[in-house]
Amino acid sequence: MVTIRLSRGGAKKRPFYHIIVADGRSKRDGRHLERVGFYNPLATGQEEPFRIDRERYDYWLSVGARPSERVTQLVKANTAAA
């Protein structure tokens, strides 16, 4: 199954996550099909904490990809704010 989930990047104690579309069997930070956005939980000041390409996200949902719980929460929270 194809999933939309977070892939961790950044440095130790400074997490940064890419929102990726990947095969459910691949590792967390392994191979992915497409990168559709990012999430920066430690964003300060003018830094952007969250961005997603809604067009590509909706496309992947339409072809059967399942978002993780955390991605669903992030998208819902940031769509309501926008």
N, C-alpha and C. Protein backbone atom coordinates (compact mmCIF):
# COMPACT_ATOMS: atom_id res chain seq x y z
N MET A 1 0.83 -1.17 0.00
CA MET A 1 0.00 0.00 0.00
C MET A 1 0.89 1.25 0.00
N VAL A 2 0.44 2.26 -0.68
CA VAL A 2 1.17 3.53 -0.74
C VAL A 2 0.70 4.40 0.43
N THR A 3 1.65 4.98 1.16
CA THR A 3 1.31 5.82 2.30
C THR A 3 1.92 7.21 2.14
N ILE A 4 1.26 8.17 2.76
CA ILE A 4 1.78 9.54 2.85
C ILE A 4 2.20 9.70 4.30
N ARG A 5 3.48 9.91 4.54
CA ARG A 5 3.99 9.93 5.91
C ARG A 5 5.17 10.89 6.05
N LEU A 6 5.66 11.01 7.28
CA LEU A 6 6.79 11.88 7.57
C LEU A 6 8.10 11.11 7.47
N SER A 7 9.12 11.77 6.95
CA SER A 7 10.47 11.23 6.88
C SER A 7 11.37 12.20 7.62
N ARG A 8 12.10 11.72 8.63
CA ARG A 8 12.88 12.62 9.48
C ARG A 8 14.19 13.03 8.84
N GLY A 9 14.49 14.30 9.01
CA GLY A 9 15.77 14.85 8.57
C GLY A 9 16.27 15.77 9.66
N GLY A 10 17.17 16.66 9.34
CA GLY A 10 17.68 17.60 10.33
C GLY A 10 18.81 17.00 11.14
N ALA A 11 19.19 17.70 12.17
CA ALA A 11 20.30 17.28 13.02
C ALA A 11 19.76 16.68 14.33
N LYS A 12 20.67 16.17 15.12
CA LYS A 12 20.30 15.64 16.43
C LYS A 12 19.67 16.75 17.26
N LYS A 13 18.54 16.48 17.86
CA LYS A 13 17.78 17.42 18.70
C LYS A 13 17.20 18.60 17.90
N ARG A 14 17.28 18.58 16.57
CA ARG A 14 16.72 19.62 15.69
C ARG A 14 15.96 18.95 14.55
N PRO A 15 14.81 18.34 14.84
CA PRO A 15 14.11 17.58 13.80
C PRO A 15 13.53 18.45 12.69
N PHE A 16 13.47 17.86 11.52
CA PHE A 16 12.85 18.47 10.35
C PHE A 16 12.26 17.30 9.57
N TYR A 17 11.03 17.43 9.15
CA TYR A 17 10.37 16.30 8.50
C TYR A 17 9.94 16.66 7.08
N HIS A 18 10.16 15.73 6.15
CA HIS A 18 9.63 15.85 4.80
C HIS A 18 8.35 15.03 4.76
N ILE A 19 7.34 15.53 4.10
CA ILE A 19 6.11 14.77 3.89
C ILE A 19 6.30 14.05 2.56
N ILE A 20 6.32 12.73 2.61
CA ILE A 20 6.64 11.94 1.43
C ILE A 20 5.52 10.95 1.10
N VAL A 21 5.52 10.52 -0.13
CA VAL A 21 4.64 9.44 -0.58
C VAL A 21 5.57 8.25 -0.81
N ALA A 22 5.30 7.14 -0.13
CA ALA A 22 6.19 5.99 -0.20
C ALA A 22 5.41 4.69 -0.13
N ASP A 23 6.02 3.63 -0.59
CA ASP A 23 5.47 2.30 -0.42
C ASP A 23 5.47 2.00 1.08
N GLY A 24 4.43 1.42 1.58
CA GLY A 24 4.31 1.14 3.01
C GLY A 24 5.38 0.21 3.54
N ARG A 25 6.03 -0.56 2.66
CA ARG A 25 7.05 -1.52 3.10
C ARG A 25 8.43 -0.90 3.21
N SER A 26 8.62 0.32 2.67
CA SER A 26 9.94 0.94 2.72
C SER A 26 10.21 1.53 4.11
N LYS A 27 11.49 1.73 4.41
CA LYS A 27 11.89 2.28 5.70
C LYS A 27 11.42 3.72 5.85
N ARG A 28 11.41 4.20 7.09
CA ARG A 28 10.95 5.56 7.37
C ARG A 28 11.69 6.59 6.54
N ASP A 29 13.00 6.50 6.50
CA ASP A 29 13.81 7.47 5.76
C ASP A 29 14.34 6.88 4.46
N GLY A 30 13.73 5.81 4.00
CA GLY A 30 14.21 5.12 2.81
C GLY A 30 13.62 5.69 1.52
N ARG A 31 13.50 4.80 0.53
CA ARG A 31 13.01 5.19 -0.79
C ARG A 31 11.62 5.79 -0.72
N HIS A 32 11.39 6.81 -1.54
CA HIS A 32 10.06 7.38 -1.63
C HIS A 32 9.72 7.67 -3.08
N LEU A 33 8.44 7.82 -3.36
CA LEU A 33 7.97 8.08 -4.71
C LEU A 33 7.99 9.57 -5.02
N GLU A 34 7.60 10.38 -4.04
CA GLU A 34 7.53 11.82 -4.26
C GLU A 34 7.56 12.55 -2.91
N ARG A 35 8.13 13.72 -2.90
CA ARG A 35 8.13 14.58 -1.73
C ARG A 35 7.08 15.66 -1.97
N VAL A 36 6.09 15.75 -1.09
CA VAL A 36 4.98 16.69 -1.32
C VAL A 36 4.94 17.86 -0.35
N GLY A 37 5.84 17.89 0.63
CA GLY A 37 5.84 19.02 1.55
C GLY A 37 6.84 18.82 2.67
N PHE A 38 6.74 19.70 3.68
CA PHE A 38 7.62 19.58 4.84
C PHE A 38 6.92 20.07 6.09
N TYR A 39 7.48 19.69 7.24
CA TYR A 39 6.99 20.11 8.55
C TYR A 39 8.20 20.40 9.42
N ASN A 40 8.26 21.62 9.96
CA ASN A 40 9.35 22.04 10.83
C ASN A 40 8.77 22.36 12.21
N PRO A 41 8.83 21.42 13.15
CA PRO A 41 8.21 21.64 14.46
C PRO A 41 8.91 22.71 15.30
N LEU A 42 10.14 23.07 14.97
CA LEU A 42 10.88 24.06 15.75
C LEU A 42 10.98 25.41 15.04
N ALA A 43 10.08 25.69 14.11
CA ALA A 43 10.12 26.94 13.36
C ALA A 43 9.92 28.13 14.30
N THR A 44 10.75 29.18 14.10
CA THR A 44 10.64 30.39 14.91
C THR A 44 10.65 31.59 14.00
N GLY A 45 10.09 32.68 14.47
CA GLY A 45 10.13 33.93 13.72
C GLY A 45 9.48 33.82 12.36
N GLN A 46 10.22 34.16 11.33
CA GLN A 46 9.70 34.17 9.97
C GLN A 46 9.76 32.80 9.29
N GLU A 47 10.31 31.79 9.94
CA GLU A 47 10.40 30.46 9.34
C GLU A 47 9.00 29.86 9.16
N GLU A 48 8.84 29.16 8.07
CA GLU A 48 7.56 28.54 7.75
C GLU A 48 7.50 27.15 8.40
N PRO A 49 6.51 26.89 9.27
CA PRO A 49 6.49 25.62 9.97
C PRO A 49 5.94 24.45 9.14
N PHE A 50 5.10 24.73 8.15
CA PHE A 50 4.44 23.65 7.42
C PHE A 50 4.11 24.11 6.00
N ARG A 51 4.35 23.24 5.05
CA ARG A 51 3.95 23.52 3.67
C ARG A 51 3.64 22.19 2.99
N ILE A 52 2.57 22.17 2.20
CA ILE A 52 2.23 20.98 1.44
C ILE A 52 1.67 21.39 0.09
N ASP A 53 2.01 20.64 -0.93
CA ASP A 53 1.48 20.86 -2.26
C ASP A 53 0.12 20.16 -2.30
N ARG A 54 -0.96 20.93 -2.07
CA ARG A 54 -2.30 20.35 -1.95
C ARG A 54 -2.73 19.61 -3.21
N GLU A 55 -2.32 20.11 -4.36
CA GLU A 55 -2.70 19.47 -5.62
C GLU A 55 -2.14 18.04 -5.68
N ARG A 56 -0.85 17.88 -5.36
CA ARG A 56 -0.23 16.55 -5.39
C ARG A 56 -0.75 15.67 -4.25
N TYR A 57 -1.00 16.26 -3.08
CA TYR A 57 -1.54 15.51 -1.94
C TYR A 57 -2.92 14.95 -2.31
N ASP A 58 -3.77 15.78 -2.88
CA ASP A 58 -5.11 15.33 -3.29
C ASP A 58 -5.03 14.29 -4.39
N TYR A 59 -4.07 14.44 -5.31
CA TYR A 59 -3.89 13.43 -6.36
C TYR A 59 -3.57 12.07 -5.75
N TRP A 60 -2.61 12.04 -4.84
CA TRP A 60 -2.22 10.76 -4.24
C TRP A 60 -3.37 10.15 -3.44
N LEU A 61 -4.17 10.99 -2.78
CA LEU A 61 -5.33 10.45 -2.08
C LEU A 61 -6.31 9.85 -3.07
N SER A 62 -6.49 10.49 -4.23
CA SER A 62 -7.45 10.01 -5.23
C SER A 62 -7.04 8.67 -5.85
N VAL A 63 -5.74 8.38 -5.88
CA VAL A 63 -5.31 7.10 -6.44
C VAL A 63 -5.10 6.03 -5.36
N GLY A 64 -5.52 6.32 -4.13
CA GLY A 64 -5.54 5.29 -3.10
C GLY A 64 -4.49 5.34 -2.02
N ALA A 65 -3.66 6.38 -1.99
CA ALA A 65 -2.65 6.48 -0.92
C ALA A 65 -3.34 6.79 0.40
N ARG A 66 -2.81 6.24 1.48
CA ARG A 66 -3.39 6.46 2.80
C ARG A 66 -2.44 7.30 3.63
N PRO A 67 -2.90 8.46 4.13
CA PRO A 67 -2.02 9.29 4.97
C PRO A 67 -1.90 8.70 6.37
N SER A 68 -0.73 8.95 7.00
CA SER A 68 -0.56 8.52 8.38
C SER A 68 -1.41 9.42 9.27
N GLU A 69 -1.59 9.01 10.52
CA GLU A 69 -2.40 9.80 11.45
C GLU A 69 -1.82 11.20 11.64
N ARG A 70 -0.50 11.27 11.79
CA ARG A 70 0.15 12.55 12.03
C ARG A 70 0.02 13.49 10.83
N VAL A 71 0.17 12.96 9.63
CA VAL A 71 0.02 13.79 8.43
C VAL A 71 -1.42 14.30 8.32
N THR A 72 -2.38 13.44 8.62
CA THR A 72 -3.79 13.85 8.59
C THR A 72 -4.03 14.99 9.57
N GLN A 73 -3.48 14.89 10.78
CA GLN A 73 -3.63 15.95 11.78
C GLN A 73 -3.01 17.25 11.31
N LEU A 74 -1.82 17.18 10.74
CA LEU A 74 -1.12 18.39 10.29
C LEU A 74 -1.89 19.08 9.16
N VAL A 75 -2.35 18.31 8.20
CA VAL A 75 -3.08 18.88 7.07
C VAL A 75 -4.39 19.51 7.55
N LYS A 76 -5.10 18.82 8.43
CA LYS A 76 -6.36 19.34 8.95
C LYS A 76 -6.14 20.64 9.73
N ALA A 77 -5.14 20.66 10.58
CA ALA A 77 -4.86 21.84 11.41
C ALA A 77 -4.44 23.04 10.57
N ASN A 78 -3.65 22.80 9.53
CA ASN A 78 -3.15 23.91 8.72
C ASN A 78 -4.12 24.31 7.61
N THR A 79 -5.06 23.47 7.25
CA THR A 79 -6.08 23.84 6.28
C THR A 79 -7.11 24.72 6.97
N ALA A 80 -7.43 24.41 8.21
CA ALA A 80 -8.40 25.22 8.96
C ALA A 80 -7.85 26.61 9.22
N ALA A 81 -6.55 26.72 9.44
CA ALA A 81 -5.93 28.01 9.73
C ALA A 81 -5.84 28.88 8.49
N ALA A 82 -5.74 28.28 7.32
CA ALA A 82 -5.57 29.03 6.07
C ALA A 82 -6.87 29.53 5.52
